[in-house]
PDB file of all heavy atoms in Angstrom:
ATOM      1  N   ALA A   1      20.603   7.737 -16.920  1.00  0.00           N
ATOM      2  CA  ALA A   1      19.969   8.588 -15.902  1.00  0.00           C
ATOM      3  C   ALA A   1      20.709   9.902 -15.715  1.00  0.00           C
ATOM      4  O   ALA A   1      20.063  10.943 -15.523  1.00  0.00           O
ATOM      5  CB  ALA A   1      19.866   7.821 -14.585  1.00  0.00           C
ATOM      6  N   ALA A   2      22.056   9.874 -15.725  1.00  0.00           N
ATOM      7  CA  ALA A   2      22.821  11.090 -15.462  1.00  0.00           C
ATOM      8  C   ALA A   2      22.589  12.178 -16.509  1.00  0.00           C
ATOM      9  O   ALA A   2      22.225  13.336 -16.152  1.00  0.00           O
ATOM     10  CB  ALA A   2      24.314  10.764 -15.353  1.00  0.00           C
ATOM     11  N   PRO A   3      22.723  11.903 -17.802  1.00  0.00           N
ATOM     12  CA  PRO A   3      22.443  12.959 -18.793  1.00  0.00           C
ATOM     13  C   PRO A   3      20.975  13.374 -18.786  1.00  0.00           C
ATOM     14  O   PRO A   3      20.661  14.549 -19.013  1.00  0.00           O
ATOM     15  CB  PRO A   3      22.832  12.332 -20.125  1.00  0.00           C
ATOM     16  CG  PRO A   3      22.924  10.864 -19.888  1.00  0.00           C
ATOM     17  CD  PRO A   3      23.287  10.699 -18.460  1.00  0.00           C
ATOM     18  N   ALA A   4      20.049  12.417 -18.536  1.00  0.00           N
ATOM     19  CA  ALA A   4      18.633  12.746 -18.453  1.00  0.00           C
ATOM     20  C   ALA A   4      18.388  13.724 -17.308  1.00  0.00           C
ATOM     21  O   ALA A   4      17.663  14.703 -17.433  1.00  0.00           O
ATOM     22  CB  ALA A   4      17.803  11.492 -18.267  1.00  0.00           C
ATOM     23  N   PHE A   5      19.028  13.460 -16.175  1.00  0.00           N
ATOM     24  CA  PHE A   5      18.861  14.326 -15.001  1.00  0.00           C
ATOM     25  C   PHE A   5      19.415  15.738 -15.301  1.00  0.00           C
ATOM     26  O   PHE A   5      18.791  16.737 -14.916  1.00  0.00           O
ATOM     27  CB  PHE A   5      19.623  13.745 -13.799  1.00  0.00           C
ATOM     28  CG  PHE A   5      19.546  14.612 -12.583  1.00  0.00           C
ATOM     29  CD1 PHE A   5      18.395  14.650 -11.779  1.00  0.00           C
ATOM     30  CD2 PHE A   5      20.643  15.391 -12.206  1.00  0.00           C
ATOM     31  CE1 PHE A   5      18.369  15.469 -10.675  1.00  0.00           C
ATOM     32  CE2 PHE A   5      20.587  16.197 -11.105  1.00  0.00           C
ATOM     33  CZ  PHE A   5      19.425  16.239 -10.330  1.00  0.00           C
ATOM     34  N   LEU A   6      20.540  15.812 -15.980  1.00  0.00           N
ATOM     35  CA  LEU A   6      21.110  17.131 -16.301  1.00  0.00           C
ATOM     36  C   LEU A   6      20.153  17.920 -17.196  1.00  0.00           C
ATOM     37  O   LEU A   6      20.044  19.159 -17.074  1.00  0.00           O
ATOM     38  CB  LEU A   6      22.478  16.993 -16.965  1.00  0.00           C
ATOM     39  CG  LEU A   6      23.655  16.695 -16.060  1.00  0.00           C
ATOM     40  CD1 LEU A   6      24.961  16.687 -16.867  1.00  0.00           C
ATOM     41  CD2 LEU A   6      23.746  17.705 -14.926  1.00  0.00           C
ATOM     42  N   ILE A   7      19.520  17.253 -18.133  1.00  0.00           N
ATOM     43  CA  ILE A   7      18.541  17.925 -18.969  1.00  0.00           C
ATOM     44  C   ILE A   7      17.376  18.458 -18.148  1.00  0.00           C
ATOM     45  O   ILE A   7      16.994  19.609 -18.279  1.00  0.00           O
ATOM     46  CB  ILE A   7      17.993  16.963 -20.071  1.00  0.00           C
ATOM     47  CG1 ILE A   7      19.095  16.655 -21.085  1.00  0.00           C
ATOM     48  CG2 ILE A   7      16.777  17.556 -20.770  1.00  0.00           C
ATOM     49  CD1 ILE A   7      18.734  15.584 -22.081  1.00  0.00           C
ATOM     50  N   VAL A   8      16.856  17.593 -17.280  1.00  0.00           N
ATOM     51  CA  VAL A   8      15.681  17.964 -16.476  1.00  0.00           C
ATOM     52  C   VAL A   8      15.979  19.134 -15.554  1.00  0.00           C
ATOM     53  O   VAL A   8      15.237  20.108 -15.482  1.00  0.00           O
ATOM     54  CB  VAL A   8      15.181  16.737 -15.668  1.00  0.00           C
ATOM     55  CG1 VAL A   8      14.097  17.171 -14.674  1.00  0.00           C
ATOM     56  CG2 VAL A   8      14.667  15.659 -16.581  1.00  0.00           C
ATOM     57  N   ILE A   9      17.088  19.023 -14.812  1.00  0.00           N
ATOM     58  CA  ILE A   9      17.425  20.066 -13.838  1.00  0.00           C
ATOM     59  C   ILE A   9      18.057  21.278 -14.514  1.00  0.00           C
ATOM     60  O   ILE A   9      17.988  22.406 -13.998  1.00  0.00           O
ATOM     61  CB  ILE A   9      18.353  19.508 -12.759  1.00  0.00           C
ATOM     62  CG1 ILE A   9      18.316  20.382 -11.504  1.00  0.00           C
ATOM     63  CG2 ILE A   9      19.759  19.330 -13.243  1.00  0.00           C
ATOM     64  CD1 ILE A   9      16.996  20.370 -10.761  1.00  0.00           C
ATOM     65  N   GLY A  10      18.703  21.055 -15.650  1.00  0.00           N
ATOM     66  CA  GLY A  10      19.431  22.131 -16.311  1.00  0.00           C
ATOM     67  C   GLY A  10      18.504  23.193 -16.888  1.00  0.00           C
ATOM     68  O   GLY A  10      18.858  24.398 -16.907  1.00  0.00           O
ATOM     69  N   MET A  11      17.346  22.799 -17.384  1.00  0.00           N
ATOM     70  CA  MET A  11      16.454  23.798 -18.011  1.00  0.00           C
ATOM     71  C   MET A  11      15.989  24.872 -17.021  1.00  0.00           C
ATOM     72  O   MET A  11      16.152  26.064 -17.326  1.00  0.00           O
ATOM     73  CB  MET A  11      15.228  23.079 -18.619  1.00  0.00           C
ATOM     74  CG  MET A  11      15.598  22.285 -19.858  1.00  0.00           C
ATOM     75  SD  MET A  11      14.121  21.575 -20.655  1.00  0.00           S
ATOM     76  CE  MET A  11      14.882  20.532 -21.898  1.00  0.00           C
ATOM     77  N   PRO A  12      15.429  24.549 -15.863  1.00  0.00           N
ATOM     78  CA  PRO A  12      15.015  25.594 -14.948  1.00  0.00           C
ATOM     79  C   PRO A  12      16.217  26.350 -14.344  1.00  0.00           C
ATOM     80  O   PRO A  12      16.145  27.538 -14.126  1.00  0.00           O
ATOM     81  CB  PRO A  12      14.210  24.861 -13.871  1.00  0.00           C
ATOM     82  CG  PRO A  12      14.652  23.447 -13.914  1.00  0.00           C
ATOM     83  CD  PRO A  12      15.007  23.217 -15.359  1.00  0.00           C
ATOM     84  N   LEU A  13      17.325  25.642 -14.066  1.00  0.00           N
ATOM     85  CA  LEU A  13      18.458  26.286 -13.398  1.00  0.00           C
ATOM     86  C   LEU A  13      19.204  27.260 -14.343  1.00  0.00           C
ATOM     87  O   LEU A  13      19.765  28.239 -13.887  1.00  0.00           O
ATOM     88  CB  LEU A  13      19.402  25.233 -12.830  1.00  0.00           C
ATOM     89  CG  LEU A  13      18.881  24.416 -11.655  1.00  0.00           C
ATOM     90  CD1 LEU A  13      19.955  23.514 -11.080  1.00  0.00           C
ATOM     91  CD2 LEU A  13      18.304  25.330 -10.564  1.00  0.00           C
ATOM     92  N   THR A  14      19.271  26.945 -15.620  1.00  0.00           N
ATOM     93  CA  THR A  14      19.906  27.844 -16.584  1.00  0.00           C
ATOM     94  C   THR A  14      18.905  28.806 -17.226  1.00  0.00           C
ATOM     95  O   THR A  14      19.298  29.714 -17.967  1.00  0.00           O
ATOM     96  CB  THR A  14      20.619  27.061 -17.696  1.00  0.00           C
ATOM     97  OG1 THR A  14      19.631  26.315 -18.449  1.00  0.00           O
ATOM     98  CG2 THR A  14      21.666  26.101 -17.113  1.00  0.00           C
ATOM     99  N   TYR A  15      17.634  28.579 -16.965  1.00  0.00           N
ATOM    100  CA  TYR A  15      16.526  29.360 -17.547  1.00  0.00           C
ATOM    101  C   TYR A  15      16.597  29.280 -19.060  1.00  0.00           C
ATOM    102  O   TYR A  15      16.361  30.239 -19.772  1.00  0.00           O
ATOM    103  CB  TYR A  15      16.594  30.817 -17.094  1.00  0.00           C
ATOM    104  CG  TYR A  15      15.228  31.462 -16.935  1.00  0.00           C
ATOM    105  CD1 TYR A  15      14.420  31.160 -15.866  1.00  0.00           C
ATOM    106  CD2 TYR A  15      14.744  32.341 -17.905  1.00  0.00           C
ATOM    107  CE1 TYR A  15      13.169  31.738 -15.697  1.00  0.00           C
ATOM    108  CE2 TYR A  15      13.478  32.919 -17.762  1.00  0.00           C
ATOM    109  CZ  TYR A  15      12.715  32.614 -16.668  1.00  0.00           C
ATOM    110  OH  TYR A  15      11.457  33.158 -16.532  1.00  0.00           O
ATOM    111  N   SER A  16      16.890  28.090 -19.582  1.00  0.00           N
ATOM    112  CA  SER A  16      17.004  27.911 -21.022  1.00  0.00           C
ATOM    113  C   SER A  16      16.795  26.463 -21.388  1.00  0.00           C
ATOM    114  O   SER A  16      17.470  25.556 -20.846  1.00  0.00           O
ATOM    115  CB  SER A  16      18.388  28.379 -21.505  1.00  0.00           C
ATOM    116  OG  SER A  16      18.641  27.953 -22.817  1.00  0.00           O
ATOM    117  N   ILE A  17      15.879  26.214 -22.299  1.00  0.00           N
ATOM    118  CA  ILE A  17      15.664  24.848 -22.811  1.00  0.00           C
ATOM    119  C   ILE A  17      16.904  24.367 -23.536  1.00  0.00           C
ATOM    120  O   ILE A  17      17.343  23.219 -23.349  1.00  0.00           O
ATOM    121  CB  ILE A  17      14.440  24.816 -23.748  1.00  0.00           C
ATOM    122  CG1 ILE A  17      13.151  25.104 -22.960  1.00  0.00           C
ATOM    123  CG2 ILE A  17      14.333  23.473 -24.462  1.00  0.00           C
ATOM    124  CD1 ILE A  17      11.919  25.218 -23.796  1.00  0.00           C
ATOM    125  N   ALA A  18      17.493  25.237 -24.370  1.00  0.00           N
ATOM    126  CA  ALA A  18      18.655  24.837 -25.158  1.00  0.00           C
ATOM    127  C   ALA A  18      19.858  24.500 -24.272  1.00  0.00           C
ATOM    128  O   ALA A  18      20.556  23.499 -24.530  1.00  0.00           O
ATOM    129  CB  ALA A  18      19.038  25.940 -26.129  1.00  0.00           C
ATOM    130  N   ASP A  19      20.082  25.270 -23.220  1.00  0.00           N
ATOM    131  CA  ASP A  19      21.220  24.997 -22.340  1.00  0.00           C
ATOM    132  C   ASP A  19      21.056  23.668 -21.595  1.00  0.00           C
ATOM    133  O   ASP A  19      21.989  22.923 -21.385  1.00  0.00           O
ATOM    134  CB  ASP A  19      21.414  26.140 -21.338  1.00  0.00           C
ATOM    135  CG  ASP A  19      21.935  27.412 -21.995  1.00  0.00           C
ATOM    136  OD1 ASP A  19      22.299  27.346 -23.172  1.00  0.00           O
ATOM    137  OD2 ASP A  19      21.956  28.443 -21.329  1.00  0.00           O
ATOM    138  N   GLY A  20      19.812  23.420 -21.159  1.00  0.00           N
ATOM    139  CA  GLY A  20      19.553  22.135 -20.481  1.00  0.00           C
ATOM    140  C   GLY A  20      19.810  20.929 -21.375  1.00  0.00           C
ATOM    141  O   GLY A  20      20.400  19.949 -20.987  1.00  0.00           O
ATOM    142  N   ILE A  21      19.354  21.061 -22.634  1.00  0.00           N
ATOM    143  CA  ILE A  21      19.590  20.015 -23.615  1.00  0.00           C
ATOM    144  C   ILE A  21      21.096  19.828 -23.825  1.00  0.00           C
ATOM    145  O   ILE A  21      21.605  18.738 -23.920  1.00  0.00           O
ATOM    146  CB  ILE A  21      18.849  20.312 -24.951  1.00  0.00           C
ATOM    147  CG1 ILE A  21      17.342  20.228 -24.735  1.00  0.00           C
ATOM    148  CG2 ILE A  21      19.325  19.372 -26.060  1.00  0.00           C
ATOM    149  CD1 ILE A  21      16.537  20.640 -25.971  1.00  0.00           C
ATOM    150  N   ALA A  22      21.799  20.953 -23.921  1.00  0.00           N
ATOM    151  CA  ALA A  22      23.234  20.920 -24.184  1.00  0.00           C
ATOM    152  C   ALA A  22      23.956  20.116 -23.099  1.00  0.00           C
ATOM    153  O   ALA A  22      24.817  19.289 -23.421  1.00  0.00           O
ATOM    154  CB  ALA A  22      23.802  22.320 -24.234  1.00  0.00           C
ATOM    155  N   LEU A  23      23.643  20.335 -21.838  1.00  0.00           N
ATOM    156  CA  LEU A  23      24.319  19.638 -20.758  1.00  0.00           C
ATOM    157  C   LEU A  23      24.140  18.119 -20.876  1.00  0.00           C
ATOM    158  O   LEU A  23      25.083  17.340 -20.710  1.00  0.00           O
ATOM    159  CB  LEU A  23      23.767  20.119 -19.396  1.00  0.00           C
ATOM    160  CG  LEU A  23      24.034  21.576 -19.053  1.00  0.00           C
ATOM    161  CD1 LEU A  23      23.350  21.961 -17.737  1.00  0.00           C
ATOM    162  CD2 LEU A  23      25.537  21.862 -18.946  1.00  0.00           C
ATOM    163  N   GLY A  24      22.913  17.679 -21.150  1.00  0.00           N
ATOM    164  CA  GLY A  24      22.628  16.254 -21.276  1.00  0.00           C
ATOM    165  C   GLY A  24      23.259  15.624 -22.509  1.00  0.00           C
ATOM    166  O   GLY A  24      23.778  14.514 -22.469  1.00  0.00           O
ATOM    167  N   PHE A  25      23.196  16.379 -23.601  1.00  0.00           N
ATOM    168  CA  PHE A  25      23.721  15.834 -24.870  1.00  0.00           C
ATOM    169  C   PHE A  25      25.264  15.722 -24.874  1.00  0.00           C
ATOM    170  O   PHE A  25      25.818  14.887 -25.559  1.00  0.00           O
ATOM    171  CB  PHE A  25      23.280  16.731 -26.032  1.00  0.00           C
ATOM    172  CG  PHE A  25      21.868  16.442 -26.494  1.00  0.00           C
ATOM    173  CD1 PHE A  25      20.906  15.991 -25.617  1.00  0.00           C
ATOM    174  CD2 PHE A  25      21.502  16.674 -27.818  1.00  0.00           C
ATOM    175  CE1 PHE A  25      19.613  15.724 -26.031  1.00  0.00           C
ATOM    176  CE2 PHE A  25      20.202  16.420 -28.242  1.00  0.00           C
ATOM    177  CZ  PHE A  25      19.256  15.943 -27.334  1.00  0.00           C
ATOM    178  N   ILE A  26      25.915  16.582 -24.122  1.00  0.00           N
ATOM    179  CA  ILE A  26      27.355  16.512 -24.012  1.00  0.00           C
ATOM    180  C   ILE A  26      27.759  15.277 -23.163  1.00  0.00           C
ATOM    181  O   ILE A  26      28.707  14.547 -23.508  1.00  0.00           O
ATOM    182  CB  ILE A  26      27.969  17.781 -23.354  1.00  0.00           C
ATOM    183  CG1 ILE A  26      27.835  18.962 -24.339  1.00  0.00           C
ATOM    184  CG2 ILE A  26      29.429  17.602 -22.979  1.00  0.00           C
ATOM    185  CD1 ILE A  26      28.137  20.293 -23.716  1.00  0.00           C
ATOM    186  N   LEU A  27      27.022  15.020 -22.095  1.00  0.00           N
ATOM    187  CA  LEU A  27      27.351  13.922 -21.180  1.00  0.00           C
ATOM    188  C   LEU A  27      26.979  12.573 -21.751  1.00  0.00           C
ATOM    189  O   LEU A  27      27.688  11.599 -21.534  1.00  0.00           O
ATOM    190  CB  LEU A  27      26.659  14.137 -19.841  1.00  0.00           C
ATOM    191  CG  LEU A  27      26.975  13.091 -18.764  1.00  0.00           C
ATOM    192  CD1 LEU A  27      28.467  13.077 -18.434  1.00  0.00           C
ATOM    193  CD2 LEU A  27      26.123  13.355 -17.512  1.00  0.00           C
ATOM    194  N   TYR A  28      25.877  12.478 -22.501  1.00  0.00           N
ATOM    195  CA  TYR A  28      25.368  11.175 -22.945  1.00  0.00           C
ATOM    196  C   TYR A  28      26.391  10.343 -23.702  1.00  0.00           C
ATOM    197  O   TYR A  28      26.611   9.139 -23.347  1.00  0.00           O
ATOM    198  CB  TYR A  28      24.088  11.366 -23.791  1.00  0.00           C
ATOM    199  CG  TYR A  28      23.506  10.103 -24.318  1.00  0.00           C
ATOM    200  CD1 TYR A  28      22.830   9.213 -23.480  1.00  0.00           C
ATOM    201  CD2 TYR A  28      23.626   9.752 -25.646  1.00  0.00           C
ATOM    202  CE1 TYR A  28      22.283   8.063 -23.972  1.00  0.00           C
ATOM    203  CE2 TYR A  28      23.100   8.593 -26.174  1.00  0.00           C
ATOM    204  CZ  TYR A  28      22.424   7.719 -25.325  1.00  0.00           C
ATOM    205  OH  TYR A  28      21.901   6.550 -25.810  1.00  0.00           O
ATOM    206  N   PRO A  29      27.046  10.837 -24.734  1.00  0.00           N
ATOM    207  CA  PRO A  29      28.043  10.010 -25.438  1.00  0.00           C
ATOM    208  C   PRO A  29      29.190   9.581 -24.534  1.00  0.00           C
ATOM    209  O   PRO A  29      29.741   8.480 -24.699  1.00  0.00           O
ATOM    210  CB  PRO A  29      28.536  10.955 -26.562  1.00  0.00           C
ATOM    211  CG  PRO A  29      27.501  11.986 -26.725  1.00  0.00           C
ATOM    212  CD  PRO A  29      26.925  12.174 -25.359  1.00  0.00           C
ATOM    213  N   ILE A  30      29.540  10.432 -23.560  1.00  0.00           N
ATOM    214  CA  ILE A  30      30.621  10.109 -22.637  1.00  0.00           C
ATOM    215  C   ILE A  30      30.303   8.937 -21.744  1.00  0.00           C
ATOM    216  O   ILE A  30      31.066   7.989 -21.618  1.00  0.00           O
ATOM    217  CB  ILE A  30      31.002  11.366 -21.807  1.00  0.00           C
ATOM    218  CG1 ILE A  30      31.512  12.495 -22.705  1.00  0.00           C
ATOM    219  CG2 ILE A  30      32.067  11.001 -20.745  1.00  0.00           C
ATOM    220  CD1 ILE A  30      31.741  13.809 -21.977  1.00  0.00           C
ATOM    221  N   THR A  31      29.107   8.987 -21.125  1.00  0.00           N
ATOM    222  CA  THR A  31      28.721   7.911 -20.190  1.00  0.00           C
ATOM    223  C   THR A  31      28.476   6.601 -20.957  1.00  0.00           C
ATOM    224  O   THR A  31      28.751   5.519 -20.455  1.00  0.00           O
ATOM    225  CB  THR A  31      27.491   8.291 -19.374  1.00  0.00           C
ATOM    226  OG1 THR A  31      26.415   8.698 -20.270  1.00  0.00           O
ATOM    227  CG2 THR A  31      27.801   9.446 -18.438  1.00  0.00           C
TER     228      THR A  31
END
């Protein structure tokens, strides 16, 4: 849920699809 949430909220807040994906993809292997 945490990396998924970062992807969802990251896209509009960073105004970038790629940046939102980046936040979630970095966290997913860690969690």
